[in-house]
Amino acid sequence: MTASLRKLGSSDLEVFPLSLGGNVFGWTADEQTSFAVLDAYTAAGGNFVDTADSYSAWVEGNQGGESETIIGKWVKARGNRSDVVIATKVSQHPQFQGLTAANIKAAADASLRRLDTDHIDLYYTHFDQPEVPVEEIIGALDELVKAGKVRQIAASNITAERLRASLDFSDREGLARYVALQPHYNLVSRGTYEGPLQDLAAREGLSAVPYFALASGFLTGKYRPGTTVDSARAAGAGKHLESERGRKVLAALDEIAQAHEAPVATVALAWLAAQPTVVAPIASARTVDQLPALLGVAGLRLTDEELERLTRASA
């Protein structure tokens, strides 16, 4: 499958229309399986890998940084660093909490060591810290860019007001400027991005790279009334079955998937990929078998009527 790469905001980064989530690496996928998933993703033309310094600190026995370490080993083993756009994040690692200037710089150095590379392609603030002035955050990120440690900067989990203030400061001082956003956004969670934040991203030329693109697995269609799913995320995903919106979305996805002879997950991702500002939804695969349904988004174009139908069902 050859999918055309998409430009990320105003940056020089060009990315595959599906970003591979690294949250499972070192959690539900061991190193060997993670390598196999990364190999299959890149073999299909994928080049955009998303992780965070905190993945997967929530697992007993883990410290955080396990995902970055696995990605670093894989890149080293494959010798393909220049072919892969690596995105990681700062603020949630147990040893590097928050967004003070000192922490951002220390956390970036730690991420670079784990990734075994001299630069991070896209560096996100993972969760905004409203008590830290945007001037301090942008100033620290700009220093990383000037030092060649980071190519482009981005924000995740930020309000429209704080994003506006950040962009204004970057413009006023001529400093590095956010090129992308990573919002929580999918067919059953639209209010988490649509509205002021999406409008601002569109006006300012930022690209969105949504996380929870498949609502923790609910939008794969494997959660049905009376079924039990063996997944670490089953409780979160299953709750959508209890809402009318969740059931309506599933019904619409089923019919459209049938018409295209495509997996439900592919259709859900295709709706997301077609939304204003969205460049590449993030989805993770803990096995190689889960990848084709995700990669299919690169080749599936829904009709305007199908997109509208899903938009109505998810309202």
C-alpha atoms as a PDB file:
ATOM      1  CA  MET A   1       0.000   0.000   0.000  1.00  0.00           C
ATOM      2  CA  THR A   2       1.445   3.348  -0.961  1.00  0.00           C
ATOM      3  CA  ALA A   3      -0.276   6.184   0.819  1.00  0.00           C
ATOM      4  CA  SER A   4       0.753   9.725   0.172  1.00  0.00           C
ATOM      5  CA  LEU A   5       2.370  11.359   3.170  1.00  0.00           C
ATOM      6  CA  ARG A   6       0.702  14.401   4.712  1.00  0.00           C
ATOM      7  CA  LYS A   7       2.417  17.600   5.768  1.00  0.00           C
ATOM      8  CA  LEU A   8       2.310  18.248   9.497  1.00  0.00           C
ATOM      9  CA  GLY A   9       1.124  21.821  10.024  1.00  0.00           C
ATOM     10  CA  SER A  10       3.625  24.422   8.835  1.00  0.00           C
ATOM     11  CA  SER A  11       6.560  22.068   9.512  1.00  0.00           C
ATOM     12  CA  ASP A  12       8.848  20.207   7.148  1.00  0.00           C
ATOM     13  CA  LEU A  13       7.662  16.867   8.578  1.00  0.00           C
ATOM     14  CA  GLU A  14       5.684  14.588   6.273  1.00  0.00           C
ATOM     15  CA  VAL A  15       3.774  11.770   7.915  1.00  0.00           C
ATOM     16  CA  PHE A  16       1.777   8.658   7.060  1.00  0.00           C
ATOM     17  CA  PRO A  17      -2.003   9.110   7.617  1.00  0.00           C
ATOM     18  CA  LEU A  18      -1.937   6.703  10.575  1.00  0.00           C
ATOM     19  CA  SER A  19       0.367   7.315  13.524  1.00  0.00           C
ATOM     20  CA  LEU A  20       1.375   4.113  15.310  1.00  0.00           C
ATOM     21  CA  GLY A  21       0.769   4.401  19.047  1.00  0.00           C
ATOM     22  CA  GLY A  22       3.657   3.221  21.191  1.00  0.00           C
ATOM     23  CA  ASN A  23       1.696   3.075  24.460  1.00  0.00           C
ATOM     24  CA  VAL A  24       1.504  -0.742  24.250  1.00  0.00           C
ATOM     25  CA  PHE A  25       5.250  -1.276  23.811  1.00  0.00           C
ATOM     26  CA  GLY A  26       6.604  -2.631  27.086  1.00  0.00           C
ATOM     27  CA  TRP A  27       3.044  -3.020  28.396  1.00  0.00           C
ATOM     28  CA  THR A  28       0.748  -5.406  26.476  1.00  0.00           C
ATOM     29  CA  ALA A  29       3.368  -5.989  23.756  1.00  0.00           C
ATOM     30  CA  ASP A  30       6.796  -7.295  24.769  1.00  0.00           C
ATOM     31  CA  GLU A  31       9.975  -6.247  22.965  1.00  0.00           C
ATOM     32  CA  GLN A  32       9.862  -8.993  20.351  1.00  0.00           C
ATOM     33  CA  THR A  33       6.201  -8.353  19.516  1.00  0.00           C
ATOM     34  CA  SER A  34       6.789  -4.584  19.468  1.00  0.00           C
ATOM     35  CA  PHE A  35       9.604  -5.064  16.926  1.00  0.00           C
ATOM     36  CA  ALA A  36       7.284  -7.185  14.758  1.00  0.00           C
ATOM     37  CA  VAL A  37       4.514  -4.542  14.893  1.00  0.00           C
ATOM     38  CA  LEU A  38       6.971  -1.734  14.045  1.00  0.00           C
ATOM     39  CA  ASP A  39       8.402  -3.802  11.171  1.00  0.00           C
ATOM     40  CA  ALA A  40       4.954  -4.493   9.722  1.00  0.00           C
ATOM     41  CA  TYR A  41       3.873  -0.850  10.090  1.00  0.00           C
ATOM     42  CA  THR A  42       6.934   0.503   8.282  1.00  0.00           C
ATOM     43  CA  ALA A  43       6.756  -2.246   5.630  1.00  0.00           C
ATOM     44  CA  ALA A  44       3.267  -0.910   4.788  1.00  0.00           C
ATOM     45  CA  GLY A  45       4.658   2.612   4.314  1.00  0.00           C
ATOM     46  CA  GLY A  46       4.135   3.877   7.859  1.00  0.00           C
ATOM     47  CA  ASN A  47       6.674   6.377   9.215  1.00  0.00           C
ATOM     48  CA  PHE A  48       5.044   8.137  12.208  1.00  0.00           C
ATOM     49  CA  VAL A  49       5.579   6.573  15.642  1.00  0.00           C
ATOM     50  CA  ASP A  50       4.035   8.144  18.745  1.00  0.00           C
ATOM     51  CA  THR A  51       5.240   7.586  22.301  1.00  0.00           C
ATOM     52  CA  ALA A  52       5.758   9.444  25.592  1.00  0.00           C
ATOM     53  CA  ASP A  53       8.412   9.419  28.277  1.00  0.00           C
ATOM     54  CA  SER A  54       5.849   8.083  30.780  1.00  0.00           C
ATOM     55  CA  TYR A  55       4.863   4.968  28.761  1.00  0.00           C
ATOM     56  CA  SER A  56       4.352   2.636  30.602  1.00  0.00           C
ATOM     57  CA  ALA A  57       4.961   3.790  34.168  1.00  0.00           C
ATOM     58  CA  TRP A  58       1.479   2.574  35.204  1.00  0.00           C
ATOM     59  CA  VAL A  59       2.542  -1.072  34.861  1.00  0.00           C
ATOM     60  CA  GLU A  60       3.799  -2.718  38.046  1.00  0.00           C
ATOM     61  CA  GLY A  61       7.568  -3.043  37.878  1.00  0.00           C
ATOM     62  CA  ASN A  62       7.958  -0.387  35.164  1.00  0.00           C
ATOM     63  CA  GLN A  63       9.646   2.982  35.698  1.00  0.00           C
ATOM     64  CA  GLY A  64       8.370   4.832  32.625  1.00  0.00           C
ATOM     65  CA  GLY A  65      10.342   5.124  29.397  1.00  0.00           C
ATOM     66  CA  GLU A  66       9.931   1.443  28.458  1.00  0.00           C
ATOM     67  CA  SER A  67       8.243   2.335  25.166  1.00  0.00           C
ATOM     68  CA  GLU A  68      10.962   4.830  24.190  1.00  0.00           C
ATOM     69  CA  THR A  69      13.657   2.269  25.007  1.00  0.00           C
ATOM     70  CA  ILE A  70      12.042  -0.368  22.767  1.00  0.00           C
ATOM     71  CA  ILE A  71      11.625   2.112  19.894  1.00  0.00           C
ATOM     72  CA  GLY A  72      15.255   3.201  20.319  1.00  0.00           C
ATOM     73  CA  LYS A  73      16.495  -0.397  20.164  1.00  0.00           C
ATOM     74  CA  TRP A  74      14.336  -1.112  17.117  1.00  0.00           C
ATOM     75  CA  VAL A  75      15.562   1.963  15.211  1.00  0.00           C
ATOM     76  CA  LYS A  76      19.164   1.050  16.060  1.00  0.00           C
ATOM     77  CA  ALA A  77      18.661  -2.554  14.928  1.00  0.00           C
ATOM     78  CA  ARG A  78      17.003  -1.515  11.658  1.00  0.00           C
ATOM     79  CA  GLY A  79      19.271   1.453  10.922  1.00  0.00           C
ATOM     80  CA  ASN A  80      16.257   3.472   9.762  1.00  0.00           C
ATOM     81  CA  ARG A  81      16.340   6.589  11.957  1.00  0.00           C
ATOM     82  CA  SER A  82      16.118   9.012   9.028  1.00  0.00           C
ATOM     83  CA  ASP A  83      13.014   7.223   7.681  1.00  0.00           C
ATOM     84  CA  VAL A  84      10.962   7.443  10.874  1.00  0.00           C
ATOM     85  CA  VAL A  85       9.251  10.468  12.419  1.00  0.00           C
ATOM     86  CA  ILE A  86       9.424   9.917  16.182  1.00  0.00           C
ATOM     87  CA  ALA A  87       7.068  11.872  18.430  1.00  0.00           C
ATOM     88  CA  THR A  88       7.386  11.802  22.207  1.00  0.00           C
ATOM     89  CA  LYS A  89       6.071  13.841  25.121  1.00  0.00           C
ATOM     90  CA  VAL A  90       7.112  15.541  28.361  1.00  0.00           C
ATOM     91  CA  SER A  91       5.430  16.162  31.753  1.00  0.00           C
ATOM     92  CA  GLN A  92       4.238  12.789  33.048  1.00  0.00           C
ATOM     93  CA  HIS A  93       7.350  10.670  33.671  1.00  0.00           C
ATOM     94  CA  PRO A  94       7.510   9.853  37.420  1.00  0.00           C
ATOM     95  CA  GLN A  95      11.014  11.378  37.637  1.00  0.00           C
ATOM     96  CA  PHE A  96      10.318  14.281  35.278  1.00  0.00           C
ATOM     97  CA  GLN A  97       6.949  15.703  36.269  1.00  0.00           C
ATOM     98  CA  GLY A  98       5.672  19.002  34.943  1.00  0.00           C
ATOM     99  CA  LEU A  99       6.628  21.692  32.462  1.00  0.00           C
ATOM    100  CA  THR A 100       9.153  23.906  34.201  1.00  0.00           C
ATOM    101  CA  ALA A 101      12.044  24.871  31.931  1.00  0.00           C
ATOM    102  CA  ALA A 102      14.507  22.783  33.936  1.00  0.00           C
ATOM    103  CA  ASN A 103      12.261  19.719  33.800  1.00  0.00           C
ATOM    104  CA  ILE A 104      11.564  20.024  30.062  1.00  0.00           C
ATOM    105  CA  LYS A 105      15.292  20.085  29.305  1.00  0.00           C
ATOM    106  CA  ALA A 106      16.160  17.230  31.688  1.00  0.00           C
ATOM    107  CA  ALA A 107      13.277  15.091  30.414  1.00  0.00           C
ATOM    108  CA  ALA A 108      14.251  15.698  26.783  1.00  0.00           C
ATOM    109  CA  ASP A 109      17.812  14.538  27.480  1.00  0.00           C
ATOM    110  CA  ALA A 110      16.467  11.413  29.189  1.00  0.00           C
ATOM    111  CA  SER A 111      14.166  10.698  26.223  1.00  0.00           C
ATOM    112  CA  LEU A 112      17.060  11.149  23.784  1.00  0.00           C
ATOM    113  CA  ARG A 113      19.114   8.634  25.758  1.00  0.00           C
ATOM    114  CA  ARG A 114      16.333   6.050  25.796  1.00  0.00           C
ATOM    115  CA  LEU A 115      15.536   6.579  22.124  1.00  0.00           C
ATOM    116  CA  ASP A 116      19.270   6.339  21.427  1.00  0.00           C
ATOM    117  CA  THR A 117      19.102   9.268  19.005  1.00  0.00           C
ATOM    118  CA  ASP A 118      20.400  12.835  18.786  1.00  0.00           C
ATOM    119  CA  HIS A 119      17.039  14.417  17.959  1.00  0.00           C
ATOM    120  CA  ILE A 120      13.293  14.091  18.577  1.00  0.00           C
ATOM    121  CA  ASP A 121      11.236  14.908  15.469  1.00  0.00           C
ATOM    122  CA  LEU A 122       8.097  16.092  17.278  1.00  0.00           C
ATOM    123  CA  TYR A 123       8.100  16.984  20.978  1.00  0.00           C
ATOM    124  CA  TYR A 124       4.764  17.433  22.757  1.00  0.00           C
ATOM    125  CA  THR A 125       3.896  18.943  26.093  1.00  0.00           C
ATOM    126  CA  HIS A 126       1.863  15.946  27.313  1.00  0.00           C
ATOM    127  CA  PHE A 127      -0.486  17.668  29.788  1.00  0.00           C
ATOM    128  CA  ASP A 128      -0.459  21.433  30.074  1.00  0.00           C
ATOM    129  CA  GLN A 129       0.377  22.935  33.457  1.00  0.00           C
ATOM    130  CA  PRO A 130      -1.587  26.191  33.691  1.00  0.00           C
ATOM    131  CA  GLU A 131       0.499  27.355  36.682  1.00  0.00           C
ATOM    132  CA  VAL A 132       3.655  27.448  34.519  1.00  0.00           C
ATOM    133  CA  PRO A 133       3.746  30.563  32.299  1.00  0.00           C
ATOM    134  CA  VAL A 134       3.607  29.815  28.567  1.00  0.00           C
ATOM    135  CA  GLU A 135       6.695  32.018  28.234  1.00  0.00           C
ATOM    136  CA  GLU A 136       8.706  29.556  30.334  1.00  0.00           C
ATOM    137  CA  ILE A 137       7.426  26.504  28.436  1.00  0.00           C
ATOM    138  CA  ILE A 138       7.933  27.946  24.945  1.00  0.00           C
ATOM    139  CA  GLY A 139      11.315  29.390  25.961  1.00  0.00           C
ATOM    140  CA  ALA A 140      12.560  25.959  27.057  1.00  0.00           C
ATOM    141  CA  LEU A 141      11.200  24.230  23.956  1.00  0.00           C
ATOM    142  CA  ASP A 142      12.786  26.875  21.743  1.00  0.00           C
ATOM    143  CA  GLU A 143      16.170  26.211  23.358  1.00  0.00           C
ATOM    144  CA  LEU A 144      15.816  22.512  22.533  1.00  0.00           C
ATOM    145  CA  VAL A 145      15.026  23.379  18.913  1.00  0.00           C
ATOM    146  CA  LYS A 146      17.992  25.772  18.678  1.00  0.00           C
ATOM    147  CA  ALA A 147      20.253  23.081  20.175  1.00  0.00           C
ATOM    148  CA  GLY A 148      19.152  20.635  17.469  1.00  0.00           C
ATOM    149  CA  LYS A 149      17.645  18.230  20.011  1.00  0.00           C
ATOM    150  CA  VAL A 150      14.067  18.767  18.796  1.00  0.00           C
ATOM    151  CA  ARG A 151      12.881  19.470  15.236  1.00  0.00           C
ATOM    152  CA  GLN A 152       9.296  20.595  15.856  1.00  0.00           C
ATOM    153  CA  ILE A 153       7.120  21.247  18.914  1.00  0.00           C
ATOM    154  CA  ALA A 154       3.498  20.425  19.652  1.00  0.00           C
ATOM    155  CA  ALA A 155       0.946  20.360  22.477  1.00  0.00           C
ATOM    156  CA  SER A 156      -1.442  17.776  23.880  1.00  0.00           C
ATOM    157  CA  ASN A 157      -4.238  18.240  26.412  1.00  0.00           C
ATOM    158  CA  ILE A 158      -4.266  22.039  26.298  1.00  0.00           C
ATOM    159  CA  THR A 159      -7.083  24.604  26.341  1.00  0.00           C
ATOM    160  CA  ALA A 160      -7.766  26.966  23.457  1.00  0.00           C
ATOM    161  CA  GLU A 161      -6.852  29.904  25.736  1.00  0.00           C
ATOM    162  CA  ARG A 162      -3.440  28.507  26.655  1.00  0.00           C
ATOM    163  CA  LEU A 163      -2.769  27.485  23.067  1.00  0.00           C
ATOM    164  CA  ARG A 164      -3.642  31.008  21.879  1.00  0.00           C
ATOM    165  CA  ALA A 165      -1.288  32.535  24.472  1.00  0.00           C
ATOM    166  CA  SER A 166       1.513  30.136  23.468  1.00  0.00           C
ATOM    167  CA  LEU A 167       1.192  30.917  19.759  1.00  0.00           C
ATOM    168  CA  ASP A 168       1.042  34.655  20.435  1.00  0.00           C
ATOM    169  CA  PHE A 169       4.211  34.497  22.520  1.00  0.00           C
ATOM    170  CA  SER A 170       6.054  32.460  19.867  1.00  0.00           C
ATOM    171  CA  ASP A 171       5.009  34.942  17.169  1.00  0.00           C
ATOM    172  CA  ARG A 172       5.883  37.998  19.245  1.00  0.00           C
ATOM    173  CA  GLU A 173       9.338  36.749  20.228  1.00  0.00           C
ATOM    174  CA  GLY A 174      10.159  34.854  17.041  1.00  0.00           C
ATOM    175  CA  LEU A 175      10.514  31.542  18.919  1.00  0.00           C
ATOM    176  CA  ALA A 176       9.636  27.954  18.018  1.00  0.00           C
ATOM    177  CA  ARG A 177       5.898  27.610  17.431  1.00  0.00           C
ATOM    178  CA  TYR A 178       3.581  24.668  17.922  1.00  0.00           C
ATOM    179  CA  VAL A 179       2.846  22.914  14.613  1.00  0.00           C
ATOM    180  CA  ALA A 180       0.504  20.209  15.892  1.00  0.00           C
ATOM    181  CA  LEU A 181      -1.993  19.271  18.582  1.00  0.00           C
ATOM    182  CA  GLN A 182      -2.750  15.882  20.070  1.00  0.00           C
ATOM    183  CA  PRO A 183      -6.347  16.044  21.284  1.00  0.00           C
ATOM    184  CA  HIS A 184      -8.604  13.305  22.663  1.00  0.00           C
ATOM    185  CA  TYR A 185     -10.967  12.925  19.693  1.00  0.00           C
ATOM    186  CA  ASN A 186     -13.068  10.163  18.139  1.00  0.00           C
ATOM    187  CA  LEU A 187     -16.616   9.332  17.030  1.00  0.00           C
ATOM    188  CA  VAL A 188     -17.871   8.973  20.615  1.00  0.00           C
ATOM    189  CA  SER A 189     -15.839  11.863  22.021  1.00  0.00           C
ATOM    190  CA  ARG A 190     -16.237  14.893  19.800  1.00  0.00           C
ATOM    191  CA  GLY A 191     -16.630  17.651  22.396  1.00  0.00           C
ATOM    192  CA  THR A 192     -13.073  16.988  23.583  1.00  0.00           C
ATOM    193  CA  TYR A 193     -11.779  18.705  20.423  1.00  0.00           C
ATOM    194  CA  GLU A 194     -14.531  20.230  18.289  1.00  0.00           C
ATOM    195  CA  GLY A 195     -15.280  23.873  19.046  1.00  0.00           C
ATOM    196  CA  PRO A 196     -12.801  26.583  20.093  1.00  0.00           C
ATOM    197  CA  LEU A 197      -9.720  24.314  20.051  1.00  0.00           C
ATOM    198  CA  GLN A 198     -10.340  22.886  16.586  1.00  0.00           C
ATOM    199  CA  ASP A 199     -11.308  26.330  15.272  1.00  0.00           C
ATOM    200  CA  LEU A 200      -8.065  27.806  16.583  1.00  0.00           C
ATOM    201  CA  ALA A 201      -5.998  24.961  15.105  1.00  0.00           C
ATOM    202  CA  ALA A 202      -7.657  25.523  11.724  1.00  0.00           C
ATOM    203  CA  ARG A 203      -7.083  29.285  11.807  1.00  0.00           C
ATOM    204  CA  GLU A 204      -3.447  28.936  12.851  1.00  0.00           C
ATOM    205  CA  GLY A 205      -2.534  26.098  10.498  1.00  0.00           C
ATOM    206  CA  LEU A 206      -1.928  23.447  13.165  1.00  0.00           C
ATOM    207  CA  SER A 207      -2.434  19.752  12.421  1.00  0.00           C
ATOM    208  CA  ALA A 208      -4.311  17.444  14.774  1.00  0.00           C
ATOM    209  CA  VAL A 209      -3.021  13.970  15.626  1.00  0.00           C
ATOM    210  CA  PRO A 210      -5.871  12.588  17.763  1.00  0.00           C
ATOM    211  CA  TYR A 211      -5.332  10.028  20.516  1.00  0.00           C
ATOM    212  CA  PHE A 212      -7.961   7.487  21.686  1.00  0.00           C
ATOM    213  CA  ALA A 213      -8.890   7.459  17.991  1.00  0.00           C
ATOM    214  CA  LEU A 214     -10.692   4.140  18.510  1.00  0.00           C
ATOM    215  CA  ALA A 215     -12.061   4.967  22.002  1.00  0.00           C
ATOM    216  CA  SER A 216      -9.840   2.387  23.752  1.00  0.00           C
ATOM    217  CA  GLY A 217     -11.003  -0.262  21.288  1.00  0.00           C
ATOM    218  CA  PHE A 218     -14.764   0.413  21.338  1.00  0.00           C
ATOM    219  CA  LEU A 219     -14.689   1.644  17.732  1.00  0.00           C
ATOM    220  CA  THR A 220     -13.135  -1.601  16.501  1.00  0.00           C
ATOM    221  CA  GLY A 221     -16.594  -3.137  16.864  1.00  0.00           C
ATOM    222  CA  LYS A 222     -15.422  -5.973  19.096  1.00  0.00           C
ATOM    223  CA  TYR A 223     -17.487  -4.738  22.049  1.00  0.00           C
ATOM    224  CA  ARG A 224     -21.067  -5.984  21.658  1.00  0.00           C
ATOM    225  CA  PRO A 225     -23.920  -6.586  24.092  1.00  0.00           C
ATOM    226  CA  GLY A 226     -23.259  -9.844  25.926  1.00  0.00           C
ATOM    227  CA  THR A 227     -19.638 -10.236  24.794  1.00  0.00           C
ATOM    228  CA  THR A 228     -16.575 -10.323  27.007  1.00  0.00           C
ATOM    229  CA  VAL A 229     -13.363  -8.888  25.601  1.00  0.00           C
ATOM    230  CA  ASP A 230      -9.985  -9.885  26.991  1.00  0.00           C
ATOM    231  CA  SER A 231      -8.248  -6.513  27.000  1.00  0.00           C
ATOM    232  CA  ALA A 232      -6.489  -4.314  29.536  1.00  0.00           C
ATOM    233  CA  ARG A 233      -8.812  -1.523  28.392  1.00  0.00           C
ATOM    234  CA  ALA A 234     -12.112  -3.448  28.265  1.00  0.00           C
ATOM    235  CA  ALA A 235     -13.789  -1.624  31.151  1.00  0.00           C
ATOM    236  CA  GLY A 236     -13.255   1.808  29.575  1.00  0.00           C
ATOM    237  CA  ALA A 237     -14.281   0.761  26.091  1.00  0.00           C
ATOM    238  CA  GLY A 238     -17.312  -1.263  27.154  1.00  0.00           C
ATOM    239  CA  LYS A 239     -19.031   1.703  28.820  1.00  0.00           C
ATOM    240  CA  HIS A 240     -19.853   3.218  25.404  1.00  0.00           C
ATOM    241  CA  LEU A 241     -22.290   0.326  24.804  1.00  0.00           C
ATOM    242  CA  GLU A 242     -24.447   1.735  27.578  1.00  0.00           C
ATOM    243  CA  SER A 243     -25.036   5.037  25.763  1.00  0.00           C
ATOM    244  CA  GLU A 244     -27.495   5.586  22.944  1.00  0.00           C
ATOM    245  CA  ARG A 245     -24.809   7.460  21.025  1.00  0.00           C
ATOM    246  CA  GLY A 246     -22.435   4.497  21.287  1.00  0.00           C
ATOM    247  CA  ARG A 247     -25.049   2.090  19.946  1.00  0.00           C
ATOM    248  CA  LYS A 248     -26.057   4.456  17.107  1.00  0.00           C
ATOM    249  CA  VAL A 249     -22.416   4.939  16.081  1.00  0.00           C
ATOM    250  CA  LEU A 250     -21.841   1.180  16.082  1.00  0.00           C
ATOM    251  CA  ALA A 251     -24.909   0.575  13.910  1.00  0.00           C
ATOM    252  CA  ALA A 252     -23.818   3.182  11.351  1.00  0.00           C
ATOM    253  CA  LEU A 253     -20.239   1.861  11.361  1.00  0.00           C
ATOM    254  CA  ASP A 254     -21.485  -1.696  10.776  1.00  0.00           C
ATOM    255  CA  GLU A 255     -23.500  -0.754   7.686  1.00  0.00           C
ATOM    256  CA  ILE A 256     -20.775   1.413   6.140  1.00  0.00           C
ATOM    257  CA  ALA A 257     -18.115  -1.204   6.881  1.00  0.00           C
ATOM    258  CA  GLN A 258     -20.249  -3.817   5.157  1.00  0.00           C
ATOM    259  CA  ALA A 259     -20.700  -1.603   2.088  1.00  0.00           C
ATOM    260  CA  HIS A 260     -16.926  -1.188   1.783  1.00  0.00           C
ATOM    261  CA  GLU A 261     -16.085  -4.739   2.909  1.00  0.00           C
ATOM    262  CA  ALA A 262     -13.791  -3.064   5.424  1.00  0.00           C
ATOM    263  CA  PRO A 263     -13.237  -3.562   9.161  1.00  0.00           C
ATOM    264  CA  VAL A 264     -15.270  -1.350  11.498  1.00  0.00           C
ATOM    265  CA  ALA A 265     -12.024   0.133  12.897  1.00  0.00           C
ATOM    266  CA  THR A 266     -10.937   1.256   9.430  1.00  0.00           C
ATOM    267  CA  VAL A 267     -14.218   3.119   8.903  1.00  0.00           C
ATOM    268  CA  ALA A 268     -14.019   4.800  12.322  1.00  0.00           C
ATOM    269  CA  LEU A 269     -10.473   5.972  11.563  1.00  0.00           C
ATOM    270  CA  ALA A 270     -11.485   7.115   8.059  1.00  0.00           C
ATOM    271  CA  TRP A 271     -14.197   9.369   9.536  1.00  0.00           C
ATOM    272  CA  LEU A 272     -11.629  10.855  11.929  1.00  0.00           C
ATOM    273  CA  ALA A 273      -8.989  11.309   9.219  1.00  0.00           C
ATOM    274  CA  ALA A 274     -11.534  13.252   7.127  1.00  0.00           C
ATOM    275  CA  GLN A 275     -12.283  15.819   9.855  1.00  0.00           C
ATOM    276  CA  PRO A 276     -10.930  19.381   9.567  1.00  0.00           C
ATOM    277  CA  THR A 277      -7.285  19.758  10.744  1.00  0.00           C
ATOM    278  CA  VAL A 278      -6.790  15.990  11.315  1.00  0.00           C
ATOM    279  CA  VAL A 279      -3.651  14.704   9.609  1.00  0.00           C
ATOM    280  CA  ALA A 280      -3.103  11.315  11.256  1.00  0.00           C
ATOM    281  CA  PRO A 281      -5.135   9.561  13.940  1.00  0.00           C
ATOM    282  CA  ILE A 282      -3.105   7.547  16.451  1.00  0.00           C
ATOM    283  CA  ALA A 283      -3.916   3.885  16.990  1.00  0.00           C
ATOM    284  CA  SER A 284      -1.909   1.137  18.611  1.00  0.00           C
ATOM    285  CA  ALA A 285      -1.620  -2.562  17.833  1.00  0.00           C
ATOM    286  CA  ARG A 286      -0.448  -5.066  20.410  1.00  0.00           C
ATOM    287  CA  THR A 287      -0.175  -7.777  17.744  1.00  0.00           C
ATOM    288  CA  VAL A 288       0.696  -7.746  14.036  1.00  0.00           C
ATOM    289  CA  ASP A 289      -2.783  -9.170  13.328  1.00  0.00           C
ATOM    290  CA  GLN A 290      -4.385  -5.944  14.580  1.00  0.00           C
ATOM    291  CA  LEU A 291      -2.442  -3.757  12.140  1.00  0.00           C
ATOM    292  CA  PRO A 292      -4.248  -4.242   8.781  1.00  0.00           C
ATOM    293  CA  ALA A 293      -7.506  -2.746  10.104  1.00  0.00           C
ATOM    294  CA  LEU A 294      -5.562   0.337  11.235  1.00  0.00           C
ATOM    295  CA  LEU A 295      -3.415   0.699   8.118  1.00  0.00           C
ATOM    296  CA  GLY A 296      -6.552   0.464   5.971  1.00  0.00           C
ATOM    297  CA  VAL A 297      -7.340   4.100   6.801  1.00  0.00           C
ATOM    298  CA  ALA A 298      -4.672   5.135   4.291  1.00  0.00           C
ATOM    299  CA  GLY A 299      -6.697   3.672   1.423  1.00  0.00           C
ATOM    300  CA  LEU A 300     -10.328   4.136   2.485  1.00  0.00           C
ATOM    301  CA  ARG A 301     -12.236   7.211   1.314  1.00  0.00           C
ATOM    302  CA  LEU A 302     -15.755   7.538   2.657  1.00  0.00           C
ATOM    303  CA  THR A 303     -18.411   9.335   0.608  1.00  0.00           C
ATOM    304  CA  ASP A 304     -19.771  12.678   1.816  1.00  0.00           C
ATOM    305  CA  GLU A 305     -23.048  10.906   2.621  1.00  0.00           C
ATOM    306  CA  GLU A 306     -21.268   8.264   4.716  1.00  0.00           C
ATOM    307  CA  LEU A 307     -19.271  10.883   6.594  1.00  0.00           C
ATOM    308  CA  GLU A 308     -22.458  12.872   7.255  1.00  0.00           C
ATOM    309  CA  ARG A 309     -24.229   9.754   8.465  1.00  0.00           C
ATOM    310  CA  LEU A 310     -21.522   9.011  11.010  1.00  0.00           C
ATOM    311  CA  THR A 311     -21.445  12.652  12.080  1.00  0.00           C
ATOM    312  CA  ARG A 312     -25.225  12.516  12.691  1.00  0.00           C
ATOM    313  CA  ALA A 313     -25.045   9.202  14.576  1.00  0.00           C
ATOM    314  CA  SER A 314     -22.326  10.556  16.831  1.00  0.00           C
ATOM    315  CA  ALA A 315     -23.993  13.897  17.572  1.00  0.00           C
END
